[in-house]
Amino acid sequence: MCRNIRTLYNFEPPASEEEIRAAAQQYVRKISGFNSPLRANEAAFQTAIDEVAEASRDLLRSLEKDAPRWDRLEEAAKEHERALARFGG
């Protein structure tokens, strides 16, 4: 599960709200052990996602940058090439 959490810091364009929430959801899934919560736990699950997403946004805003931003498309292309080399294609 956690392999799907991508680095969100120092990219151009900056991480979107959707990317932050997706990472928060993956984190909550991992620590809870549930891919999708039982109905009785759904409210707690969603609250946790909201809180982790908020903490993530705060963290990303507060980090100081001293390196040039990475280009999101370039990094995606490099990742694709690594995947092709690793798994074939």
PDB file of N, CA and C in Angstrom:
ATOM      1  N   MET A   1       0.808  -1.201   0.000  1.00  0.00           N
ATOM      2  CA  MET A   1       0.000   0.000   0.000  1.00  0.00           C
ATOM      3  C   MET A   1       0.850   1.264   0.000  1.00  0.00           C
ATOM      4  N   CYS A   2       1.824   1.341   0.879  1.00  0.00           N
ATOM      5  CA  CYS A   2       2.581   2.576   1.019  1.00  0.00           C
ATOM      6  C   CYS A   2       3.440   2.881  -0.194  1.00  0.00           C
ATOM      7  N   ARG A   3       3.651   1.905  -1.044  1.00  0.00           N
ATOM      8  CA  ARG A   3       4.413   2.181  -2.259  1.00  0.00           C
ATOM      9  C   ARG A   3       3.683   3.190  -3.132  1.00  0.00           C
ATOM     10  N   ASN A   4       2.391   3.332  -2.939  1.00  0.00           N
ATOM     11  CA  ASN A   4       1.607   4.267  -3.742  1.00  0.00           C
ATOM     12  C   ASN A   4       1.701   5.699  -3.239  1.00  0.00           C
ATOM     13  N   ILE A   5       2.268   5.902  -2.063  1.00  0.00           N
ATOM     14  CA  ILE A   5       2.427   7.255  -1.552  1.00  0.00           C
ATOM     15  C   ILE A   5       3.643   7.860  -2.225  1.00  0.00           C
ATOM     16  N   ARG A   6       3.439   8.936  -2.933  1.00  0.00           N
ATOM     17  CA  ARG A   6       4.502   9.599  -3.678  1.00  0.00           C
ATOM     18  C   ARG A   6       4.997  10.810  -2.909  1.00  0.00           C
ATOM     19  N   THR A   7       6.249  11.182  -3.172  1.00  0.00           N
ATOM     20  CA  THR A   7       6.780  12.419  -2.618  1.00  0.00           C
ATOM     21  C   THR A   7       5.969  13.576  -3.172  1.00  0.00           C
ATOM     22  N   LEU A   8       5.531  14.451  -2.298  1.00  0.00           N
ATOM     23  CA  LEU A   8       4.697  15.578  -2.714  1.00  0.00           C
ATOM     24  C   LEU A   8       5.427  16.914  -2.602  1.00  0.00           C
ATOM     25  N   TYR A   9       6.588  16.903  -1.988  1.00  0.00           N
ATOM     26  CA  TYR A   9       7.310  18.136  -1.716  1.00  0.00           C
ATOM     27  C   TYR A   9       8.206  18.549  -2.875  1.00  0.00           C
ATOM     28  N   ASN A  10       8.257  19.849  -3.105  1.00  0.00           N
ATOM     29  CA  ASN A  10       9.200  20.507  -4.012  1.00  0.00           C
ATOM     30  C   ASN A  10       9.009  20.137  -5.476  1.00  0.00           C
ATOM     31  N   PHE A  11       7.764  20.026  -5.900  1.00  0.00           N
ATOM     32  CA  PHE A  11       7.463  19.775  -7.306  1.00  0.00           C
ATOM     33  C   PHE A  11       6.833  21.004  -7.942  1.00  0.00           C
ATOM     34  N   GLU A  12       7.012  21.090  -9.230  1.00  0.00           N
ATOM     35  CA  GLU A  12       6.340  22.111 -10.023  1.00  0.00           C
ATOM     36  C   GLU A  12       5.494  21.380 -11.040  1.00  0.00           C
ATOM     37  N   PRO A  13       4.200  21.540 -11.090  1.00  0.00           N
ATOM     38  CA  PRO A  13       3.380  22.331 -10.159  1.00  0.00           C
ATOM     39  C   PRO A  13       3.295  21.658  -8.782  1.00  0.00           C
ATOM     40  N   PRO A  14       2.960  22.446  -7.757  1.00  0.00           N
ATOM     41  CA  PRO A  14       2.854  21.899  -6.399  1.00  0.00           C
ATOM     42  C   PRO A  14       1.791  20.805  -6.313  1.00  0.00           C
ATOM     43  N   ALA A  15       1.892  20.009  -5.259  1.00  0.00           N
ATOM     44  CA  ALA A  15       0.938  18.912  -5.050  1.00  0.00           C
ATOM     45  C   ALA A  15      -0.488  19.463  -4.982  1.00  0.00           C
ATOM     46  N   SER A  16      -1.391  18.746  -5.609  1.00  0.00           N
ATOM     47  CA  SER A  16      -2.795  19.143  -5.596  1.00  0.00           C
ATOM     48  C   SER A  16      -3.473  18.616  -4.332  1.00  0.00           C
ATOM     49  N   GLU A  17      -4.634  19.150  -4.044  1.00  0.00           N
ATOM     50  CA  GLU A  17      -5.424  18.668  -2.907  1.00  0.00           C
ATOM     51  C   GLU A  17      -5.745  17.183  -3.082  1.00  0.00           C
ATOM     52  N   GLU A  18      -6.018  16.783  -4.294  1.00  0.00           N
ATOM     53  CA  GLU A  18      -6.335  15.378  -4.576  1.00  0.00           C
ATOM     54  C   GLU A  18      -5.146  14.472  -4.241  1.00  0.00           C
ATOM     55  N   GLU A  19      -3.941  14.890  -4.594  1.00  0.00           N
ATOM     56  CA  GLU A  19      -2.751  14.089  -4.298  1.00  0.00           C
ATOM     57  C   GLU A  19      -2.503  13.999  -2.791  1.00  0.00           C
ATOM     58  N   ILE A  20      -2.712  15.097  -2.086  1.00  0.00           N
ATOM     59  CA  ILE A  20      -2.524  15.110  -0.639  1.00  0.00           C
ATOM     60  C   ILE A  20      -3.527  14.175   0.026  1.00  0.00           C
ATOM     61  N   ARG A  21      -4.790  14.241  -0.380  1.00  0.00           N
ATOM     62  CA  ARG A  21      -5.817  13.368   0.202  1.00  0.00           C
ATOM     63  C   ARG A  21      -5.564  11.898  -0.132  1.00  0.00           C
ATOM     64  N   ALA A  22      -5.084  11.615  -1.347  1.00  0.00           N
ATOM     65  CA  ALA A  22      -4.789  10.228  -1.724  1.00  0.00           C
ATOM     66  C   ALA A  22      -3.660   9.666  -0.851  1.00  0.00           C
ATOM     67  N   ALA A  23      -2.644  10.470  -0.596  1.00  0.00           N
ATOM     68  CA  ALA A  23      -1.550  10.027   0.265  1.00  0.00           C
ATOM     69  C   ALA A  23      -2.056   9.817   1.692  1.00  0.00           C
ATOM     70  N   ALA A  24      -2.906  10.718   2.165  1.00  0.00           N
ATOM     71  CA  ALA A  24      -3.477  10.584   3.512  1.00  0.00           C
ATOM     72  C   ALA A  24      -4.311   9.310   3.610  1.00  0.00           C
ATOM     73  N   GLN A  25      -5.089   9.030   2.589  1.00  0.00           N
ATOM     74  CA  GLN A  25      -5.913   7.829   2.592  1.00  0.00           C
ATOM     75  C   GLN A  25      -5.046   6.571   2.615  1.00  0.00           C
ATOM     76  N   GLN A  26      -3.975   6.546   1.830  1.00  0.00           N
ATOM     77  CA  GLN A  26      -3.080   5.392   1.822  1.00  0.00           C
ATOM     78  C   GLN A  26      -2.448   5.193   3.197  1.00  0.00           C
ATOM     79  N   TYR A  27      -2.063   6.295   3.838  1.00  0.00           N
ATOM     80  CA  TYR A  27      -1.459   6.204   5.170  1.00  0.00           C
ATOM     81  C   TYR A  27      -2.450   5.631   6.178  1.00  0.00           C
ATOM     82  N   VAL A  28      -3.672   6.147   6.170  1.00  0.00           N
ATOM     83  CA  VAL A  28      -4.692   5.675   7.112  1.00  0.00           C
ATOM     84  C   VAL A  28      -5.020   4.212   6.837  1.00  0.00           C
ATOM     85  N   ARG A  29      -5.102   3.829   5.587  1.00  0.00           N
ATOM     86  CA  ARG A  29      -5.338   2.420   5.251  1.00  0.00           C
ATOM     87  C   ARG A  29      -4.229   1.537   5.810  1.00  0.00           C
ATOM     88  N   LYS A  30      -2.990   1.980   5.657  1.00  0.00           N
ATOM     89  CA  LYS A  30      -1.859   1.175   6.096  1.00  0.00           C
ATOM     90  C   LYS A  30      -1.860   0.992   7.612  1.00  0.00           C
ATOM     91  N   ILE A  31      -2.011   2.078   8.357  1.00  0.00           N
ATOM     92  CA  ILE A  31      -1.907   1.939   9.803  1.00  0.00           C
ATOM     93  C   ILE A  31      -3.133   1.286  10.418  1.00  0.00           C
ATOM     94  N   SER A  32      -4.299   1.398   9.753  1.00  0.00           N
ATOM     95  CA  SER A  32      -5.506   0.774  10.295  1.00  0.00           C
ATOM     96  C   SER A  32      -5.603  -0.704   9.922  1.00  0.00           C
ATOM     97  N   GLY A  33      -4.954  -1.071   8.816  1.00  0.00           N
ATOM     98  CA  GLY A  33      -5.051  -2.436   8.340  1.00  0.00           C
ATOM     99  C   GLY A  33      -6.289  -2.705   7.507  1.00  0.00           C
ATOM    100  N   PHE A  34      -7.068  -1.657   7.229  1.00  0.00           N
ATOM    101  CA  PHE A  34      -8.284  -1.795   6.425  1.00  0.00           C
ATOM    102  C   PHE A  34      -8.103  -1.124   5.074  1.00  0.00           C
ATOM    103  N   ASN A  35      -8.446  -1.826   4.007  1.00  0.00           N
ATOM    104  CA  ASN A  35      -8.468  -1.195   2.700  1.00  0.00           C
ATOM    105  C   ASN A  35      -9.691  -0.287   2.594  1.00  0.00           C
ATOM    106  N   SER A  36     -10.800  -0.753   3.131  1.00  0.00           N
ATOM    107  CA  SER A  36     -11.990   0.080   3.288  1.00  0.00           C
ATOM    108  C   SER A  36     -12.578  -0.282   4.649  1.00  0.00           C
ATOM    109  N   PRO A  37     -12.985   0.716   5.416  1.00  0.00           N
ATOM    110  CA  PRO A  37     -13.421   0.455   6.790  1.00  0.00           C
ATOM    111  C   PRO A  37     -14.803  -0.191   6.852  1.00  0.00           C
ATOM    112  N   LEU A  38     -15.057  -0.849   7.961  1.00  0.00           N
ATOM    113  CA  LEU A  38     -16.406  -1.319   8.235  1.00  0.00           C
ATOM    114  C   LEU A  38     -17.309  -0.099   8.371  1.00  0.00           C
ATOM    115  N   ARG A  39     -18.566  -0.277   8.114  1.00  0.00           N
ATOM    116  CA  ARG A  39     -19.507   0.838   8.199  1.00  0.00           C
ATOM    117  C   ARG A  39     -19.439   1.528   9.565  1.00  0.00           C
ATOM    118  N   ALA A  40     -19.276   0.736  10.625  1.00  0.00           N
ATOM    119  CA  ALA A  40     -19.209   1.293  11.980  1.00  0.00           C
ATOM    120  C   ALA A  40     -17.967   2.168  12.180  1.00  0.00           C
ATOM    121  N   ASN A  41     -16.914   1.934  11.379  1.00  0.00           N
ATOM    122  CA  ASN A  41     -15.664   2.685  11.524  1.00  0.00           C
ATOM    123  C   ASN A  41     -15.483   3.776  10.471  1.00  0.00           C
ATOM    124  N   GLU A  42     -16.436   3.923   9.592  1.00  0.00           N
ATOM    125  CA  GLU A  42     -16.265   4.834   8.466  1.00  0.00           C
ATOM    126  C   GLU A  42     -16.046   6.282   8.894  1.00  0.00           C
ATOM    127  N   ALA A  43     -16.788   6.755   9.895  1.00  0.00           N
ATOM    128  CA  ALA A  43     -16.631   8.146  10.343  1.00  0.00           C
ATOM    129  C   ALA A  43     -15.231   8.371  10.914  1.00  0.00           C
ATOM    130  N   ALA A  44     -14.751   7.435  11.707  1.00  0.00           N
ATOM    131  CA  ALA A  44     -13.407   7.565  12.282  1.00  0.00           C
ATOM    132  C   ALA A  44     -12.351   7.533  11.177  1.00  0.00           C
ATOM    133  N   PHE A  45     -12.555   6.686  10.191  1.00  0.00           N
ATOM    134  CA  PHE A  45     -11.639   6.553   9.063  1.00  0.00           C
ATOM    135  C   PHE A  45     -11.561   7.880   8.297  1.00  0.00           C
ATOM    136  N   GLN A  46     -12.730   8.470   7.986  1.00  0.00           N
ATOM    137  CA  GLN A  46     -12.761   9.738   7.248  1.00  0.00           C
ATOM    138  C   GLN A  46     -12.166  10.888   8.063  1.00  0.00           C
ATOM    139  N   THR A  47     -12.433  10.898   9.372  1.00  0.00           N
ATOM    140  CA  THR A  47     -11.852  11.928  10.233  1.00  0.00           C
ATOM    141  C   THR A  47     -10.337  11.825  10.221  1.00  0.00           C
ATOM    142  N   ALA A  48      -9.829  10.604  10.302  1.00  0.00           N
ATOM    143  CA  ALA A  48      -8.380  10.400  10.276  1.00  0.00           C
ATOM    144  C   ALA A  48      -7.786  10.881   8.949  1.00  0.00           C
ATOM    145  N   ILE A  49      -8.446  10.584   7.843  1.00  0.00           N
ATOM    146  CA  ILE A  49      -7.966  11.044   6.533  1.00  0.00           C
ATOM    147  C   ILE A  49      -7.928  12.560   6.495  1.00  0.00           C
ATOM    148  N   ASP A  50      -8.987  13.210   6.973  1.00  0.00           N
ATOM    149  CA  ASP A  50      -9.031  14.677   6.999  1.00  0.00           C
ATOM    150  C   ASP A  50      -7.886  15.250   7.824  1.00  0.00           C
ATOM    151  N   GLU A  51      -7.631  14.660   8.994  1.00  0.00           N
ATOM    152  CA  GLU A  51      -6.596  15.178   9.887  1.00  0.00           C
ATOM    153  C   GLU A  51      -5.194  14.949   9.318  1.00  0.00           C
ATOM    154  N   VAL A  52      -4.968  13.787   8.724  1.00  0.00           N
ATOM    155  CA  VAL A  52      -3.664  13.518   8.122  1.00  0.00           C
ATOM    156  C   VAL A  52      -3.445  14.436   6.919  1.00  0.00           C
ATOM    157  N   ALA A  53      -4.465  14.657   6.123  1.00  0.00           N
ATOM    158  CA  ALA A  53      -4.350  15.564   4.970  1.00  0.00           C
ATOM    159  C   ALA A  53      -4.046  16.977   5.442  1.00  0.00           C
ATOM    160  N   GLU A  54      -4.710  17.426   6.497  1.00  0.00           N
ATOM    161  CA  GLU A  54      -4.451  18.764   7.025  1.00  0.00           C
ATOM    162  C   GLU A  54      -3.017  18.892   7.535  1.00  0.00           C
ATOM    163  N   ALA A  55      -2.559  17.886   8.278  1.00  0.00           N
ATOM    164  CA  ALA A  55      -1.178  17.899   8.772  1.00  0.00           C
ATOM    165  C   ALA A  55      -0.188  17.888   7.605  1.00  0.00           C
ATOM    166  N   SER A  56      -0.508  17.151   6.554  1.00  0.00           N
ATOM    167  CA  SER A  56       0.363  17.092   5.379  1.00  0.00           C
ATOM    168  C   SER A  56       0.432  18.444   4.677  1.00  0.00           C
ATOM    169  N   ARG A  57      -0.721  19.092   4.516  1.00  0.00           N
ATOM    170  CA  ARG A  57      -0.735  20.431   3.908  1.00  0.00           C
ATOM    171  C   ARG A  57       0.104  21.397   4.728  1.00  0.00           C
ATOM    172  N   ASP A  58      -0.071  21.369   6.055  1.00  0.00           N
ATOM    173  CA  ASP A  58       0.707  22.249   6.938  1.00  0.00           C
ATOM    174  C   ASP A  58       2.203  21.987   6.785  1.00  0.00           C
ATOM    175  N   LEU A  59       2.582  20.717   6.750  1.00  0.00           N
ATOM    176  CA  LEU A  59       3.986  20.366   6.592  1.00  0.00           C
ATOM    177  C   LEU A  59       4.532  20.890   5.271  1.00  0.00           C
ATOM    178  N   LEU A  60       3.830  20.634   4.179  1.00  0.00           N
ATOM    179  CA  LEU A  60       4.304  21.065   2.867  1.00  0.00           C
ATOM    180  C   LEU A  60       4.444  22.585   2.780  1.00  0.00           C
ATOM    181  N   ARG A  61       3.531  23.312   3.434  1.00  0.00           N
ATOM    182  CA  ARG A  61       3.611  24.782   3.438  1.00  0.00           C
ATOM    183  C   ARG A  61       4.784  25.288   4.271  1.00  0.00           C
ATOM    184  N   SER A  62       5.131  24.580   5.328  1.00  0.00           N
ATOM    185  CA  SER A  62       6.139  25.093   6.255  1.00  0.00           C
ATOM    186  C   SER A  62       7.568  24.707   5.896  1.00  0.00           C
ATOM    187  N   LEU A  63       7.757  23.731   5.012  1.00  0.00           N
ATOM    188  CA  LEU A  63       9.112  23.325   4.637  1.00  0.00           C
ATOM    189  C   LEU A  63       9.798  24.419   3.834  1.00  0.00           C
ATOM    190  N   GLU A  64      11.068  24.631   4.123  1.00  0.00           N
ATOM    191  CA  GLU A  64      11.853  25.623   3.393  1.00  0.00           C
ATOM    192  C   GLU A  64      12.541  24.960   2.216  1.00  0.00           C
ATOM    193  N   LYS A  65      12.619  25.695   1.131  1.00  0.00           N
ATOM    194  CA  LYS A  65      13.184  25.150  -0.101  1.00  0.00           C
ATOM    195  C   LYS A  65      14.557  25.767  -0.349  1.00  0.00           C
ATOM    196  N   ASP A  66      15.564  24.922  -0.563  1.00  0.00           N
ATOM    197  CA  ASP A  66      16.867  25.443  -0.962  1.00  0.00           C
ATOM    198  C   ASP A  66      17.369  24.747  -2.224  1.00  0.00           C
ATOM    199  N   ALA A  67      16.528  23.908  -2.789  1.00  0.00           N
ATOM    200  CA  ALA A  67      16.878  23.208  -4.025  1.00  0.00           C
ATOM    201  C   ALA A  67      15.857  23.586  -5.101  1.00  0.00           C
ATOM    202  N   PRO A  68      16.271  23.508  -6.347  1.00  0.00           N
ATOM    203  CA  PRO A  68      15.303  23.798  -7.410  1.00  0.00           C
ATOM    204  C   PRO A  68      14.164  22.784  -7.393  1.00  0.00           C
ATOM    205  N   ARG A  69      12.995  23.226  -7.809  1.00  0.00           N
ATOM    206  CA  ARG A  69      11.842  22.331  -7.855  1.00  0.00           C
ATOM    207  C   ARG A  69      12.025  21.299  -8.955  1.00  0.00           C
ATOM    208  N   TRP A  70      11.488  20.089  -8.705  1.00  0.00           N
ATOM    209  CA  TRP A  70      11.511  19.035  -9.702  1.00  0.00           C
ATOM    210  C   TRP A  70      10.342  19.225 -10.646  1.00  0.00           C
ATOM    211  N   ASP A  71      10.561  18.901 -11.888  1.00  0.00           N
ATOM    212  CA  ASP A  71       9.482  18.943 -12.872  1.00  0.00           C
ATOM    213  C   ASP A  71       8.712  17.630 -12.771  1.00  0.00           C
ATOM    214  N   ARG A  72       7.433  17.745 -12.516  1.00  0.00           N
ATOM    215  CA  ARG A  72       6.599  16.567 -12.297  1.00  0.00           C
ATOM    216  C   ARG A  72       6.597  15.622 -13.505  1.00  0.00           C
ATOM    217  N   LEU A  73       6.537  16.178 -14.705  1.00  0.00           N
ATOM    218  CA  LEU A  73       6.511  15.335 -15.907  1.00  0.00           C
ATOM    219  C   LEU A  73       7.842  14.629 -16.138  1.00  0.00           C
ATOM    220  N   GLU A  74       8.956  15.327 -15.888  1.00  0.00           N
ATOM    221  CA  GLU A  74      10.269  14.693 -16.033  1.00  0.00           C
ATOM    222  C   GLU A  74      10.433  13.534 -15.055  1.00  0.00           C
ATOM    223  N   GLU A  75      10.036  13.764 -13.812  1.00  0.00           N
ATOM    224  CA  GLU A  75      10.165  12.724 -12.789  1.00  0.00           C
ATOM    225  C   GLU A  75       9.262  11.532 -13.101  1.00  0.00           C
ATOM    226  N   ALA A  76       8.069  11.779 -13.639  1.00  0.00           N
ATOM    227  CA  ALA A  76       7.168  10.689 -14.017  1.00  0.00           C
ATOM    228  C   ALA A  76       7.778   9.869 -15.150  1.00  0.00           C
ATOM    229  N   ALA A  77       8.425  10.537 -16.098  1.00  0.00           N
ATOM    230  CA  ALA A  77       9.071   9.821 -17.206  1.00  0.00           C
ATOM    231  C   ALA A  77      10.216   8.960 -16.689  1.00  0.00           C
ATOM    232  N   LYS A  78      11.015   9.491 -15.759  1.00  0.00           N
ATOM    233  CA  LYS A  78      12.112   8.705 -15.172  1.00  0.00           C
ATOM    234  C   LYS A  78      11.561   7.489 -14.429  1.00  0.00           C
ATOM    235  N   GLU A  79      10.487   7.689 -13.692  1.00  0.00           N
ATOM    236  CA  GLU A  79       9.878   6.588 -12.949  1.00  0.00           C
ATOM    237  C   GLU A  79       9.358   5.516 -13.910  1.00  0.00           C
ATOM    238  N   HIS A  80       8.775   5.955 -15.009  1.00  0.00           N
ATOM    239  CA  HIS A  80       8.271   5.018 -16.015  1.00  0.00           C
ATOM    240  C   HIS A  80       9.419   4.199 -16.602  1.00  0.00           C
ATOM    241  N   GLU A  81      10.530   4.858 -16.902  1.00  0.00           N
ATOM    242  CA  GLU A  81      11.696   4.144 -17.435  1.00  0.00           C
ATOM    243  C   GLU A  81      12.232   3.129 -16.438  1.00  0.00           C
ATOM    244  N   ARG A  82      12.273   3.496 -15.154  1.00  0.00           N
ATOM    245  CA  ARG A  82      12.735   2.556 -14.125  1.00  0.00           C
ATOM    246  C   ARG A  82      11.796   1.356 -14.047  1.00  0.00           C
ATOM    247  N   ALA A  83      10.508   1.596 -14.150  1.00  0.00           N
ATOM    248  CA  ALA A  83       9.525   0.503 -14.096  1.00  0.00           C
ATOM    249  C   ALA A  83       9.687  -0.429 -15.295  1.00  0.00           C
ATOM    250  N   LEU A  84       9.911   0.152 -16.468  1.00  0.00           N
ATOM    251  CA  LEU A  84      10.115  -0.676 -17.658  1.00  0.00           C
ATOM    252  C   LEU A  84      11.367  -1.540 -17.510  1.00  0.00           C
ATOM    253  N   ALA A  85      12.430  -0.947 -16.978  1.00  0.00           N
ATOM    254  CA  ALA A  85      13.652  -1.710 -16.782  1.00  0.00           C
ATOM    255  C   ALA A  85      13.477  -2.813 -15.751  1.00  0.00           C
ATOM    256  N   ARG A  86      12.685  -2.524 -14.739  1.00  0.00           N
ATOM    257  CA  ARG A  86      12.500  -3.489 -13.660  1.00  0.00           C
ATOM    258  C   ARG A  86      11.532  -4.610 -14.041  1.00  0.00           C
ATOM    259  N   PHE A  87      10.397  -4.227 -14.642  1.00  0.00           N
ATOM    260  CA  PHE A  87       9.328  -5.201 -14.910  1.00  0.00           C
ATOM    261  C   PHE A  87       9.187  -5.569 -16.367  1.00  0.00           C
ATOM    262  N   GLY A  88       9.897  -4.897 -17.240  1.00  0.00           N
ATOM    263  CA  GLY A  88       9.755  -5.141 -18.679  1.00  0.00           C
ATOM    264  C   GLY A  88       8.523  -4.442 -19.215  1.00  0.00           C
ATOM    265  N   GLY A  89       8.307  -4.492 -20.452  1.00  0.00           N
ATOM    266  CA  GLY A  89       7.126  -3.797 -20.923  1.00  0.00           C
ATOM    267  C   GLY A  89       6.968  -3.932 -22.349  1.00  0.00           C
TER     268      GLY A  89
END
